[in-house]
Every structure is written in C-alpha cells, then in structure tokens.
Amino acid sequence: MTVDTRPLGRRERNKLDKLERITAAAGELFADRGVDDVTTQEIADRADIGTGTLFLYAKTKGELLLLVQNSMYAEALERGRAAAAAADGVLEGVLAVVRPVVECNRKQIDNGRTYLREMVFGDPEEPHHSEALSLTAQTEELIAEVIGRGEGVSVDAARALAHIVSAVMFVTMAATVNAERSIEQILADITEQLRVILPR
C-alpha cells in the first residue's frame, strides 16, 4: 500500500483553512456563551466567511457543535489511551479512559449535554455525526481492551462490559439531575457504578 505524500493543492488548502477557522470560531463562541446563545452569523463573521460558505461545512448549529466537540473528544481519547497504558488494575484503567472524556464533556456543561443529544438523535449519515459515533465506538474498544487485561475475562465479556461502561458514562453525563454536579462528583458516581460490574 502506498501513501500519497503529494502536497495539498491550493483548493484543498483553502478548504482546510476555512474548516480550521470555522472550528476555531465556533469553539471560542460556544465555550464563551454556549451553543444556544450563539448564531451561525456570528460564527461566520468570526471565521471571516459568508454564511453560505459556513453551511457547506455544517448545515446546523448542532453539526457545528459536533465538529468542535469531536476534535476535543479525539484529544481526550488519546489522553485516556496513554493514561490507561500506565494504570494498574481494570477499574483504574477504565477510569483512566473515562476521566478525560468526562472532563471534555463538562468543559461547558450545556454544550456537552447538547453534544450527547446530537449524537443520539442526529442524522447518522451526516459526517460530523458519523465521526462522533466513531469516537464513541473507539472509546468502547479501548475500554474493552482494558477490561480484557483482567484475569479470565473473555473477549465477548470484555466487549459487553465496555458497552455497559459506555452507557453508564454517557447517561451519567447527560442526566438532567447531574447538570450542576462537578467533574469529580460525576466521576465518583461513575466509579461507584463501575465497582459493581467490573472484575477485580
């Protein structure tokens, strides 16, 4: 298999530059005021593009939020992967994966909860939504790998447990009753639930 090492053409560079500007503009505005209080016109103005151009990259604010959060989620997942590699035991390893995901999701609580809603109810054919689902699947795969380190845990059992861990994590982050809780409180709640299901 060969890897194409040719430099990007001008058109591709321009598209990438616009995408980076849109992501940065939306990220700054969403972090400052929350997704509900930002207009697409403000994002277009901050990115120095027209709104028509903006909609070529994301058709709705929900898709823009997915674009922004996906990049942060991908970074959180890599931090979790590194931390899990150094962790002792199954529970500690799983929590090493979970912690940066929770921290990422709770940077701006309303944005994080909206992101989870978009992942569940958004159009799976839309590229940013598809990427969010892929990141969720990668998280589960990593958790299954960590659980699989446990003594006598089959591959199928590790996958099933990882699916449960993922559900616990996402429901705990999304629950309305937890909206005002701190990152540490959310993690303590998740830890308490995981102690019951994970192998020692």
N, C-alpha and C. Protein backbone atom coordinates (compact mmCIF):
# COMPACT_ATOMS: atom_id res chain seq x y z
N MET A 1 0.84 -1.18 0.00
CA MET A 1 0.00 0.00 0.00
C MET A 1 0.89 1.25 0.00
N THR A 2 0.61 2.16 -0.88
CA THR A 2 1.41 3.38 -0.96
C THR A 2 0.67 4.52 -0.29
N VAL A 3 1.42 5.42 0.26
CA VAL A 3 0.84 6.60 0.89
C VAL A 3 1.10 7.80 -0.01
N ASP A 4 0.05 8.55 -0.29
CA ASP A 4 0.18 9.73 -1.14
C ASP A 4 0.83 10.85 -0.34
N THR A 5 2.04 11.24 -0.74
CA THR A 5 2.77 12.28 0.00
C THR A 5 2.80 13.61 -0.77
N ARG A 6 2.01 13.69 -1.82
CA ARG A 6 1.97 14.94 -2.57
C ARG A 6 1.39 16.05 -1.71
N PRO A 7 1.92 17.27 -1.84
CA PRO A 7 1.34 18.38 -1.07
C PRO A 7 -0.08 18.68 -1.53
N LEU A 8 -0.86 19.23 -0.62
CA LEU A 8 -2.23 19.61 -0.96
C LEU A 8 -2.22 20.74 -1.99
N GLY A 9 -3.19 20.69 -2.89
CA GLY A 9 -3.34 21.77 -3.85
C GLY A 9 -3.94 23.00 -3.18
N ARG A 10 -3.96 24.10 -3.90
CA ARG A 10 -4.46 25.36 -3.34
C ARG A 10 -5.91 25.23 -2.88
N ARG A 11 -6.74 24.59 -3.69
CA ARG A 11 -8.16 24.45 -3.34
C ARG A 11 -8.33 23.67 -2.03
N GLU A 12 -7.58 22.56 -1.90
CA GLU A 12 -7.66 21.75 -0.68
C GLU A 12 -7.14 22.52 0.53
N ARG A 13 -6.06 23.29 0.31
CA ARG A 13 -5.51 24.10 1.41
C ARG A 13 -6.53 25.16 1.85
N ASN A 14 -7.21 25.78 0.88
CA ASN A 14 -8.22 26.79 1.20
C ASN A 14 -9.38 26.17 1.98
N LYS A 15 -9.81 24.99 1.56
CA LYS A 15 -10.89 24.30 2.27
C LYS A 15 -10.48 23.96 3.69
N LEU A 16 -9.26 23.45 3.85
CA LEU A 16 -8.76 23.10 5.18
C LEU A 16 -8.64 24.34 6.06
N ASP A 17 -8.16 25.44 5.47
CA ASP A 17 -8.03 26.69 6.22
C ASP A 17 -9.40 27.17 6.69
N LYS A 18 -10.40 27.12 5.82
CA LYS A 18 -11.75 27.55 6.20
C LYS A 18 -12.31 26.66 7.30
N LEU A 19 -12.10 25.35 7.17
CA LEU A 19 -12.58 24.42 8.19
C LEU A 19 -11.94 24.72 9.54
N GLU A 20 -10.65 24.99 9.54
CA GLU A 20 -9.94 25.31 10.79
C GLU A 20 -10.46 26.61 11.38
N ARG A 21 -10.73 27.62 10.53
CA ARG A 21 -11.25 28.90 11.02
C ARG A 21 -12.66 28.74 11.59
N ILE A 22 -13.48 27.95 10.91
CA ILE A 22 -14.83 27.70 11.39
C ILE A 22 -14.79 26.98 12.73
N THR A 23 -13.96 25.94 12.82
CA THR A 23 -13.86 25.17 14.07
C THR A 23 -13.39 26.06 15.21
N ALA A 24 -12.37 26.89 14.95
CA ALA A 24 -11.86 27.79 15.99
C ALA A 24 -12.91 28.82 16.40
N ALA A 25 -13.57 29.42 15.42
CA ALA A 25 -14.58 30.45 15.71
C ALA A 25 -15.74 29.86 16.51
N ALA A 26 -16.27 28.74 16.05
CA ALA A 26 -17.39 28.11 16.75
C ALA A 26 -16.95 27.67 18.14
N GLY A 27 -15.76 27.11 18.24
CA GLY A 27 -15.25 26.65 19.53
C GLY A 27 -15.14 27.78 20.54
N GLU A 28 -14.61 28.92 20.11
CA GLU A 28 -14.46 30.07 21.01
C GLU A 28 -15.82 30.61 21.44
N LEU A 29 -16.72 30.78 20.49
CA LEU A 29 -18.04 31.33 20.81
C LEU A 29 -18.85 30.37 21.67
N PHE A 30 -18.83 29.09 21.34
CA PHE A 30 -19.58 28.11 22.14
C PHE A 30 -19.02 28.03 23.56
N ALA A 31 -17.69 28.06 23.70
CA ALA A 31 -17.08 27.99 25.03
C ALA A 31 -17.43 29.21 25.86
N ASP A 32 -17.51 30.36 25.19
CA ASP A 32 -17.78 31.62 25.89
C ASP A 32 -19.24 31.74 26.32
N ARG A 33 -20.18 31.39 25.40
CA ARG A 33 -21.59 31.67 25.66
C ARG A 33 -22.51 30.46 25.60
N GLY A 34 -22.02 29.35 25.13
CA GLY A 34 -22.88 28.18 24.98
C GLY A 34 -23.53 28.15 23.61
N VAL A 35 -23.78 26.95 23.12
CA VAL A 35 -24.27 26.78 21.76
C VAL A 35 -25.61 27.47 21.52
N ASP A 36 -26.48 27.49 22.53
CA ASP A 36 -27.81 28.06 22.34
C ASP A 36 -27.80 29.57 22.19
N ASP A 37 -26.76 30.23 22.69
CA ASP A 37 -26.71 31.70 22.66
C ASP A 37 -25.81 32.26 21.57
N VAL A 38 -25.44 31.42 20.62
CA VAL A 38 -24.57 31.84 19.52
C VAL A 38 -25.32 31.63 18.21
N THR A 39 -25.21 32.60 17.30
CA THR A 39 -25.86 32.45 16.00
C THR A 39 -24.83 32.00 14.95
N THR A 40 -25.35 31.39 13.90
CA THR A 40 -24.46 30.99 12.81
C THR A 40 -23.83 32.21 12.14
N GLN A 41 -24.55 33.33 12.13
CA GLN A 41 -23.99 34.56 11.55
C GLN A 41 -22.76 35.01 12.34
N GLU A 42 -22.83 34.91 13.67
CA GLU A 42 -21.68 35.29 14.50
C GLU A 42 -20.48 34.39 14.21
N ILE A 43 -20.74 33.11 14.02
CA ILE A 43 -19.65 32.17 13.72
C ILE A 43 -19.03 32.50 12.37
N ALA A 44 -19.89 32.75 11.38
CA ALA A 44 -19.39 33.10 10.04
C ALA A 44 -18.57 34.38 10.09
N ASP A 45 -19.06 35.38 10.82
CA ASP A 45 -18.33 36.65 10.93
C ASP A 45 -16.97 36.44 11.60
N ARG A 46 -16.94 35.66 12.69
CA ARG A 46 -15.69 35.41 13.41
C ARG A 46 -14.71 34.63 12.54
N ALA A 47 -15.23 33.72 11.71
CA ALA A 47 -14.38 32.92 10.82
C ALA A 47 -14.02 33.66 9.54
N ASP A 48 -14.62 34.84 9.34
CA ASP A 48 -14.39 35.67 8.16
C ASP A 48 -14.78 34.97 6.87
N ILE A 49 -15.99 34.39 6.91
CA ILE A 49 -16.56 33.74 5.73
C ILE A 49 -18.04 34.12 5.64
N GLY A 50 -18.66 33.85 4.52
CA GLY A 50 -20.09 34.06 4.37
C GLY A 50 -20.87 32.92 5.01
N THR A 51 -22.13 33.20 5.36
CA THR A 51 -22.94 32.15 5.97
C THR A 51 -23.20 31.00 4.98
N GLY A 52 -23.29 31.33 3.70
CA GLY A 52 -23.46 30.27 2.70
C GLY A 52 -22.29 29.30 2.71
N THR A 53 -21.09 29.85 2.84
CA THR A 53 -19.89 29.01 2.92
C THR A 53 -19.91 28.18 4.20
N LEU A 54 -20.33 28.80 5.30
CA LEU A 54 -20.40 28.08 6.57
C LEU A 54 -21.27 26.83 6.43
N PHE A 55 -22.42 26.99 5.75
CA PHE A 55 -23.36 25.87 5.63
C PHE A 55 -22.86 24.77 4.70
N LEU A 56 -21.81 25.03 3.95
CA LEU A 56 -21.19 23.96 3.17
C LEU A 56 -20.42 23.00 4.08
N TYR A 57 -19.99 23.51 5.23
CA TYR A 57 -19.20 22.71 6.18
C TYR A 57 -20.06 22.10 7.28
N ALA A 58 -21.15 22.76 7.64
CA ALA A 58 -22.08 22.26 8.65
C ALA A 58 -23.43 22.93 8.42
N LYS A 59 -24.49 22.12 8.32
CA LYS A 59 -25.80 22.66 7.94
C LYS A 59 -26.55 23.29 9.11
N THR A 60 -26.18 22.90 10.36
CA THR A 60 -26.89 23.40 11.53
C THR A 60 -25.89 23.72 12.64
N LYS A 61 -26.38 24.40 13.68
CA LYS A 61 -25.53 24.65 14.84
C LYS A 61 -25.18 23.34 15.52
N GLY A 62 -26.10 22.39 15.48
CA GLY A 62 -25.82 21.08 16.07
C GLY A 62 -24.62 20.42 15.39
N GLU A 63 -24.57 20.52 14.08
CA GLU A 63 -23.43 19.95 13.34
C GLU A 63 -22.15 20.72 13.65
N LEU A 64 -22.26 22.03 13.82
CA LEU A 64 -21.08 22.82 14.20
C LEU A 64 -20.57 22.40 15.58
N LEU A 65 -21.50 22.15 16.49
CA LEU A 65 -21.10 21.69 17.82
C LEU A 65 -20.41 20.32 17.72
N LEU A 66 -20.96 19.44 16.91
CA LEU A 66 -20.32 18.13 16.72
C LEU A 66 -18.90 18.31 16.19
N LEU A 67 -18.74 19.20 15.22
CA LEU A 67 -17.41 19.47 14.64
C LEU A 67 -16.43 19.89 15.73
N VAL A 68 -16.86 20.83 16.58
CA VAL A 68 -15.98 21.35 17.63
C VAL A 68 -15.71 20.29 18.68
N GLN A 69 -16.77 19.66 19.18
CA GLN A 69 -16.61 18.69 20.27
C GLN A 69 -15.85 17.45 19.81
N ASN A 70 -16.04 17.04 18.55
CA ASN A 70 -15.33 15.85 18.07
C ASN A 70 -13.82 16.03 18.17
N SER A 71 -13.34 17.22 17.83
CA SER A 71 -11.88 17.44 17.89
C SER A 71 -11.39 17.37 19.34
N MET A 72 -12.20 17.89 20.28
CA MET A 72 -11.82 17.82 21.69
C MET A 72 -11.93 16.39 22.21
N TYR A 73 -12.95 15.68 21.78
CA TYR A 73 -13.16 14.30 22.20
C TYR A 73 -12.00 13.42 21.72
N ALA A 74 -11.56 13.62 20.48
CA ALA A 74 -10.45 12.83 19.95
C ALA A 74 -9.19 13.03 20.79
N GLU A 75 -8.93 14.27 21.20
CA GLU A 75 -7.77 14.56 22.06
C GLU A 75 -7.94 13.90 23.42
N ALA A 76 -9.16 13.96 23.98
CA ALA A 76 -9.43 13.33 25.28
C ALA A 76 -9.22 11.83 25.21
N LEU A 77 -9.64 11.23 24.11
CA LEU A 77 -9.49 9.79 23.96
C LEU A 77 -8.02 9.40 23.92
N GLU A 78 -7.20 10.19 23.26
CA GLU A 78 -5.76 9.90 23.22
C GLU A 78 -5.12 10.05 24.60
N ARG A 79 -5.56 11.05 25.36
CA ARG A 79 -5.06 11.19 26.74
C ARG A 79 -5.47 9.97 27.57
N GLY A 80 -6.70 9.52 27.38
CA GLY A 80 -7.17 8.34 28.10
C GLY A 80 -6.40 7.10 27.72
N ARG A 81 -6.09 6.96 26.44
CA ARG A 81 -5.31 5.80 25.98
C ARG A 81 -3.94 5.76 26.66
N ALA A 82 -3.27 6.91 26.73
CA ALA A 82 -1.95 6.99 27.36
C ALA A 82 -2.05 6.71 28.86
N ALA A 83 -3.06 7.28 29.52
CA ALA A 83 -3.21 7.08 30.96
C ALA A 83 -3.55 5.62 31.28
N ALA A 84 -4.39 5.00 30.47
CA ALA A 84 -4.79 3.61 30.71
C ALA A 84 -3.60 2.66 30.58
N ALA A 85 -2.67 2.99 29.69
CA ALA A 85 -1.50 2.13 29.49
C ALA A 85 -0.64 2.08 30.76
N ALA A 86 -0.68 3.14 31.55
CA ALA A 86 0.15 3.20 32.77
C ALA A 86 -0.63 2.81 34.02
N ALA A 87 -1.92 2.51 33.88
CA ALA A 87 -2.77 2.26 35.05
C ALA A 87 -2.61 0.82 35.56
N ASP A 88 -2.85 0.64 36.86
CA ASP A 88 -2.83 -0.68 37.49
C ASP A 88 -4.27 -1.15 37.70
N GLY A 89 -4.57 -2.34 37.26
CA GLY A 89 -5.89 -2.91 37.50
C GLY A 89 -6.93 -2.44 36.51
N VAL A 90 -8.01 -3.22 36.44
CA VAL A 90 -9.07 -2.96 35.46
C VAL A 90 -9.81 -1.67 35.78
N LEU A 91 -10.28 -1.51 37.01
CA LEU A 91 -11.05 -0.31 37.36
C LEU A 91 -10.24 0.94 37.14
N GLU A 92 -9.00 0.96 37.61
CA GLU A 92 -8.15 2.14 37.44
C GLU A 92 -7.92 2.42 35.96
N GLY A 93 -7.71 1.37 35.16
CA GLY A 93 -7.50 1.55 33.72
C GLY A 93 -8.72 2.10 33.02
N VAL A 94 -9.90 1.59 33.36
CA VAL A 94 -11.14 2.07 32.75
C VAL A 94 -11.38 3.53 33.15
N LEU A 95 -11.16 3.85 34.42
CA LEU A 95 -11.35 5.24 34.86
C LEU A 95 -10.35 6.18 34.20
N ALA A 96 -9.16 5.66 33.86
CA ALA A 96 -8.17 6.48 33.16
C ALA A 96 -8.68 6.86 31.77
N VAL A 97 -9.47 5.99 31.15
CA VAL A 97 -10.08 6.30 29.85
C VAL A 97 -11.26 7.25 30.04
N VAL A 98 -12.07 6.99 31.06
CA VAL A 98 -13.31 7.74 31.29
C VAL A 98 -13.03 9.19 31.70
N ARG A 99 -12.05 9.41 32.57
CA ARG A 99 -11.83 10.74 33.14
C ARG A 99 -11.67 11.83 32.07
N PRO A 100 -10.77 11.71 31.09
CA PRO A 100 -10.64 12.81 30.12
C PRO A 100 -11.88 13.01 29.26
N VAL A 101 -12.65 11.95 29.03
CA VAL A 101 -13.89 12.10 28.27
C VAL A 101 -14.89 12.93 29.07
N VAL A 102 -15.01 12.63 30.37
CA VAL A 102 -15.91 13.40 31.23
C VAL A 102 -15.43 14.85 31.31
N GLU A 103 -14.14 15.05 31.50
CA GLU A 103 -13.60 16.42 31.58
C GLU A 103 -13.90 17.20 30.30
N CYS A 104 -13.72 16.54 29.16
CA CYS A 104 -14.00 17.17 27.86
C CYS A 104 -15.48 17.55 27.76
N ASN A 105 -16.34 16.64 28.15
CA ASN A 105 -17.78 16.85 28.03
C ASN A 105 -18.27 17.94 28.98
N ARG A 106 -17.58 18.13 30.10
CA ARG A 106 -18.06 19.07 31.12
C ARG A 106 -17.36 20.43 31.06
N LYS A 107 -16.54 20.68 30.04
CA LYS A 107 -15.90 22.00 29.93
C LYS A 107 -16.94 23.10 29.88
N GLN A 108 -17.98 22.88 29.14
CA GLN A 108 -19.13 23.78 29.07
C GLN A 108 -20.33 22.83 29.13
N ILE A 109 -20.98 22.78 30.28
CA ILE A 109 -21.95 21.71 30.56
C ILE A 109 -23.08 21.66 29.53
N ASP A 110 -23.66 22.80 29.19
CA ASP A 110 -24.76 22.79 28.21
C ASP A 110 -24.29 22.29 26.85
N ASN A 111 -23.09 22.70 26.44
CA ASN A 111 -22.55 22.20 25.17
C ASN A 111 -22.35 20.69 25.23
N GLY A 112 -21.81 20.21 26.34
CA GLY A 112 -21.57 18.77 26.49
C GLY A 112 -22.85 17.98 26.43
N ARG A 113 -23.87 18.46 27.10
CA ARG A 113 -25.15 17.74 27.10
C ARG A 113 -25.81 17.81 25.72
N THR A 114 -25.69 18.95 25.05
CA THR A 114 -26.23 19.08 23.69
C THR A 114 -25.49 18.15 22.73
N TYR A 115 -24.18 18.04 22.90
CA TYR A 115 -23.37 17.14 22.07
C TYR A 115 -23.87 15.70 22.21
N LEU A 116 -24.12 15.27 23.44
CA LEU A 116 -24.62 13.91 23.65
C LEU A 116 -25.98 13.72 22.99
N ARG A 117 -26.85 14.73 23.09
CA ARG A 117 -28.17 14.66 22.46
C ARG A 117 -28.03 14.57 20.93
N GLU A 118 -27.14 15.39 20.37
CA GLU A 118 -26.91 15.35 18.92
C GLU A 118 -26.40 13.98 18.47
N MET A 119 -25.53 13.37 19.29
CA MET A 119 -25.01 12.05 18.95
C MET A 119 -26.13 11.02 18.90
N VAL A 120 -27.05 11.09 19.85
CA VAL A 120 -28.13 10.10 19.95
C VAL A 120 -29.20 10.33 18.88
N PHE A 121 -29.57 11.60 18.68
CA PHE A 121 -30.74 11.89 17.83
C PHE A 121 -30.38 12.49 16.47
N GLY A 122 -29.12 12.80 16.23
CA GLY A 122 -28.73 13.41 14.97
C GLY A 122 -28.75 12.44 13.81
N ASP A 123 -28.51 12.96 12.64
CA ASP A 123 -28.50 12.17 11.40
C ASP A 123 -27.19 11.39 11.29
N PRO A 124 -27.24 10.05 11.40
CA PRO A 124 -26.00 9.27 11.36
C PRO A 124 -25.28 9.33 10.02
N GLU A 125 -25.96 9.82 8.98
CA GLU A 125 -25.33 9.95 7.67
C GLU A 125 -24.51 11.24 7.55
N GLU A 126 -24.77 12.19 8.45
CA GLU A 126 -24.05 13.46 8.43
C GLU A 126 -22.63 13.21 8.91
N PRO A 127 -21.61 13.73 8.20
CA PRO A 127 -20.21 13.37 8.51
C PRO A 127 -19.77 13.66 9.95
N HIS A 128 -20.16 14.80 10.52
CA HIS A 128 -19.72 15.12 11.88
C HIS A 128 -20.38 14.20 12.89
N HIS A 129 -21.63 13.84 12.62
CA HIS A 129 -22.34 12.89 13.48
C HIS A 129 -21.69 11.51 13.37
N SER A 130 -21.37 11.12 12.16
CA SER A 130 -20.71 9.83 11.92
C SER A 130 -19.37 9.77 12.66
N GLU A 131 -18.63 10.87 12.65
CA GLU A 131 -17.36 10.91 13.36
C GLU A 131 -17.57 10.78 14.87
N ALA A 132 -18.62 11.42 15.41
CA ALA A 132 -18.92 11.32 16.84
C ALA A 132 -19.22 9.87 17.21
N LEU A 133 -20.00 9.19 16.38
CA LEU A 133 -20.31 7.79 16.65
C LEU A 133 -19.05 6.92 16.56
N SER A 134 -18.16 7.25 15.63
CA SER A 134 -16.90 6.53 15.52
C SER A 134 -16.04 6.71 16.77
N LEU A 135 -16.00 7.93 17.31
CA LEU A 135 -15.25 8.19 18.53
C LEU A 135 -15.82 7.41 19.71
N THR A 136 -17.16 7.31 19.75
CA THR A 136 -17.80 6.52 20.80
C THR A 136 -17.41 5.05 20.68
N ALA A 137 -17.42 4.54 19.46
CA ALA A 137 -17.02 3.15 19.23
C ALA A 137 -15.55 2.93 19.60
N GLN A 138 -14.69 3.88 19.26
CA GLN A 138 -13.27 3.76 19.64
C GLN A 138 -13.09 3.75 21.15
N THR A 139 -13.91 4.55 21.85
CA THR A 139 -13.86 4.58 23.31
C THR A 139 -14.23 3.22 23.87
N GLU A 140 -15.30 2.65 23.35
CA GLU A 140 -15.72 1.31 23.80
C GLU A 140 -14.65 0.27 23.52
N GLU A 141 -14.03 0.34 22.35
CA GLU A 141 -12.98 -0.63 22.01
C GLU A 141 -11.81 -0.51 22.98
N LEU A 142 -11.42 0.72 23.32
CA LEU A 142 -10.33 0.93 24.26
C LEU A 142 -10.71 0.40 25.64
N ILE A 143 -11.92 0.68 26.08
CA ILE A 143 -12.37 0.17 27.38
C ILE A 143 -12.39 -1.35 27.38
N ALA A 144 -12.83 -1.96 26.28
CA ALA A 144 -12.83 -3.43 26.18
C ALA A 144 -11.41 -3.98 26.27
N GLU A 145 -10.46 -3.31 25.65
CA GLU A 145 -9.05 -3.74 25.75
C GLU A 145 -8.58 -3.72 27.20
N VAL A 146 -8.92 -2.64 27.91
CA VAL A 146 -8.51 -2.51 29.31
C VAL A 146 -9.17 -3.59 30.16
N ILE A 147 -10.47 -3.81 29.97
CA ILE A 147 -11.18 -4.85 30.73
C ILE A 147 -10.61 -6.23 30.40
N GLY A 148 -10.22 -6.42 29.15
CA GLY A 148 -9.66 -7.70 28.72
C GLY A 148 -8.35 -8.06 29.41
N ARG A 149 -7.72 -7.09 30.06
CA ARG A 149 -6.50 -7.38 30.82
C ARG A 149 -6.81 -8.17 32.09
N GLY A 150 -8.08 -8.12 32.51
CA GLY A 150 -8.47 -8.82 33.74
C GLY A 150 -8.35 -10.33 33.58
N GLU A 151 -8.05 -10.97 34.67
CA GLU A 151 -7.84 -12.42 34.64
C GLU A 151 -9.15 -13.14 34.32
N GLY A 152 -9.10 -14.01 33.32
CA GLY A 152 -10.24 -14.84 32.98
C GLY A 152 -11.39 -14.11 32.29
N VAL A 153 -11.14 -12.93 31.75
CA VAL A 153 -12.19 -12.18 31.06
C VAL A 153 -12.12 -12.48 29.56
N SER A 154 -13.20 -13.04 29.03
CA SER A 154 -13.22 -13.37 27.60
C SER A 154 -13.37 -12.09 26.78
N VAL A 155 -13.07 -12.20 25.50
CA VAL A 155 -13.21 -11.06 24.59
C VAL A 155 -14.66 -10.60 24.54
N ASP A 156 -15.60 -11.56 24.46
CA ASP A 156 -17.02 -11.21 24.40
C ASP A 156 -17.49 -10.53 25.68
N ALA A 157 -17.03 -11.05 26.83
CA ALA A 157 -17.41 -10.44 28.11
C ALA A 157 -16.84 -9.03 28.21
N ALA A 158 -15.60 -8.83 27.76
CA ALA A 158 -14.97 -7.51 27.81
C ALA A 158 -15.74 -6.52 26.94
N ARG A 159 -16.18 -6.95 25.77
CA ARG A 159 -16.95 -6.07 24.88
C ARG A 159 -18.30 -5.71 25.50
N ALA A 160 -18.97 -6.72 26.09
CA ALA A 160 -20.26 -6.46 26.72
C ALA A 160 -20.11 -5.50 27.89
N LEU A 161 -19.10 -5.70 28.71
CA LEU A 161 -18.86 -4.81 29.84
C LEU A 161 -18.51 -3.41 29.37
N ALA A 162 -17.72 -3.30 28.30
CA ALA A 162 -17.36 -1.98 27.77
C ALA A 162 -18.60 -1.24 27.29
N HIS A 163 -19.54 -1.95 26.71
CA HIS A 163 -20.79 -1.33 26.26
C HIS A 163 -21.56 -0.79 27.47
N ILE A 164 -21.58 -1.55 28.56
CA ILE A 164 -22.26 -1.11 29.78
C ILE A 164 -21.54 0.11 30.37
N VAL A 165 -20.20 0.06 30.40
CA VAL A 165 -19.42 1.20 30.91
C VAL A 165 -19.74 2.46 30.11
N SER A 166 -19.79 2.32 28.80
CA SER A 166 -20.10 3.46 27.93
C SER A 166 -21.47 4.02 28.25
N ALA A 167 -22.46 3.14 28.43
CA ALA A 167 -23.81 3.59 28.76
C ALA A 167 -23.83 4.31 30.10
N VAL A 168 -23.15 3.75 31.10
CA VAL A 168 -23.08 4.38 32.42
C VAL A 168 -22.48 5.78 32.30
N MET A 169 -21.38 5.88 31.57
CA MET A 169 -20.69 7.16 31.44
C MET A 169 -21.58 8.20 30.75
N PHE A 170 -22.17 7.84 29.61
CA PHE A 170 -22.94 8.81 28.84
C PHE A 170 -24.25 9.19 29.54
N VAL A 171 -24.94 8.23 30.17
CA VAL A 171 -26.18 8.55 30.87
C VAL A 171 -25.87 9.43 32.08
N THR A 172 -24.80 9.15 32.80
CA THR A 172 -24.43 9.95 33.97
C THR A 172 -24.11 11.38 33.55
N MET A 173 -23.40 11.55 32.44
CA MET A 173 -23.07 12.91 31.97
C MET A 173 -24.30 13.64 31.46
N ALA A 174 -25.23 12.93 30.82
CA ALA A 174 -26.37 13.57 30.17
C ALA A 174 -27.55 13.84 31.11
N ALA A 175 -27.62 13.12 32.22
CA ALA A 175 -28.80 13.20 33.10
C ALA A 175 -29.02 14.63 33.60
N THR A 176 -30.24 15.09 33.51
CA THR A 176 -30.60 16.43 33.95
C THR A 176 -30.29 16.63 35.43
N VAL A 177 -30.49 15.59 36.24
CA VAL A 177 -30.24 15.72 37.68
C VAL A 177 -28.77 15.96 37.99
N ASN A 178 -27.89 15.66 37.02
CA ASN A 178 -26.45 15.85 37.23
C ASN A 178 -25.92 17.14 36.61
N ALA A 179 -26.80 17.96 36.06
CA ALA A 179 -26.37 19.14 35.31
C ALA A 179 -25.48 20.08 36.12
N GLU A 180 -25.73 20.19 37.41
CA GLU A 180 -24.96 21.12 38.24
C GLU A 180 -23.82 20.45 38.99
N ARG A 181 -23.64 19.17 38.80
CA ARG A 181 -22.61 18.46 39.55
C ARG A 181 -21.23 18.69 38.93
N SER A 182 -20.20 18.65 39.77
CA SER A 182 -18.83 18.88 39.33
C SER A 182 -18.29 17.65 38.61
N ILE A 183 -17.16 17.82 37.95
CA ILE A 183 -16.49 16.70 37.29
C ILE A 183 -16.19 15.61 38.30
N GLU A 184 -15.67 15.97 39.47
CA GLU A 184 -15.32 14.97 40.48
C GLU A 184 -16.54 14.23 40.99
N GLN A 185 -17.67 14.93 41.13
CA GLN A 185 -18.90 14.27 41.56
C GLN A 185 -19.41 13.30 40.49
N ILE A 186 -19.33 13.71 39.24
CA ILE A 186 -19.73 12.82 38.13
C ILE A 186 -18.84 11.58 38.12
N LEU A 187 -17.54 11.79 38.25
CA LEU A 187 -16.60 10.65 38.24
C LEU A 187 -16.81 9.73 39.44
N ALA A 188 -17.13 10.30 40.60
CA ALA A 188 -17.39 9.49 41.79
C ALA A 188 -18.62 8.62 41.57
N ASP A 189 -19.65 9.18 40.95
CA ASP A 189 -20.88 8.44 40.65
C ASP A 189 -20.58 7.30 39.67
N ILE A 190 -19.83 7.61 38.62
CA ILE A 190 -19.47 6.58 37.64
C ILE A 190 -18.63 5.49 38.30
N THR A 191 -17.67 5.88 39.12
CA THR A 191 -16.80 4.91 39.80
C THR A 191 -17.62 3.96 40.66
N GLU A 192 -18.57 4.50 41.40
CA GLU A 192 -19.41 3.67 42.28
C GLU A 192 -20.16 2.63 41.46
N GLN A 193 -20.67 3.02 40.31
CA GLN A 193 -21.41 2.07 39.46
C GLN A 193 -20.47 1.03 38.85
N LEU A 194 -19.27 1.47 38.44
CA LEU A 194 -18.35 0.55 37.78
C LEU A 194 -17.77 -0.47 38.75
N ARG A 195 -17.65 -0.12 40.02
CA ARG A 195 -17.14 -1.08 41.02
C ARG A 195 -18.03 -2.32 41.08
N VAL A 196 -19.31 -2.14 40.82
CA VAL A 196 -20.26 -3.25 40.91
C VAL A 196 -20.11 -4.21 39.73
N ILE A 197 -19.77 -3.69 38.56
CA ILE A 197 -19.80 -4.54 37.35
C ILE A 197 -18.44 -5.02 36.87
N LEU A 198 -17.37 -4.30 37.22
CA LEU A 198 -16.06 -4.66 36.66
C LEU A 198 -15.37 -5.75 37.47
N PRO A 199 -14.63 -6.61 36.78
CA PRO A 199 -13.88 -7.65 37.50
C PRO A 199 -12.80 -7.03 38.37
N ARG A 200 -12.51 -7.67 39.46
CA ARG A 200 -11.46 -7.16 40.37
C ARG A 200 -10.09 -7.39 39.79
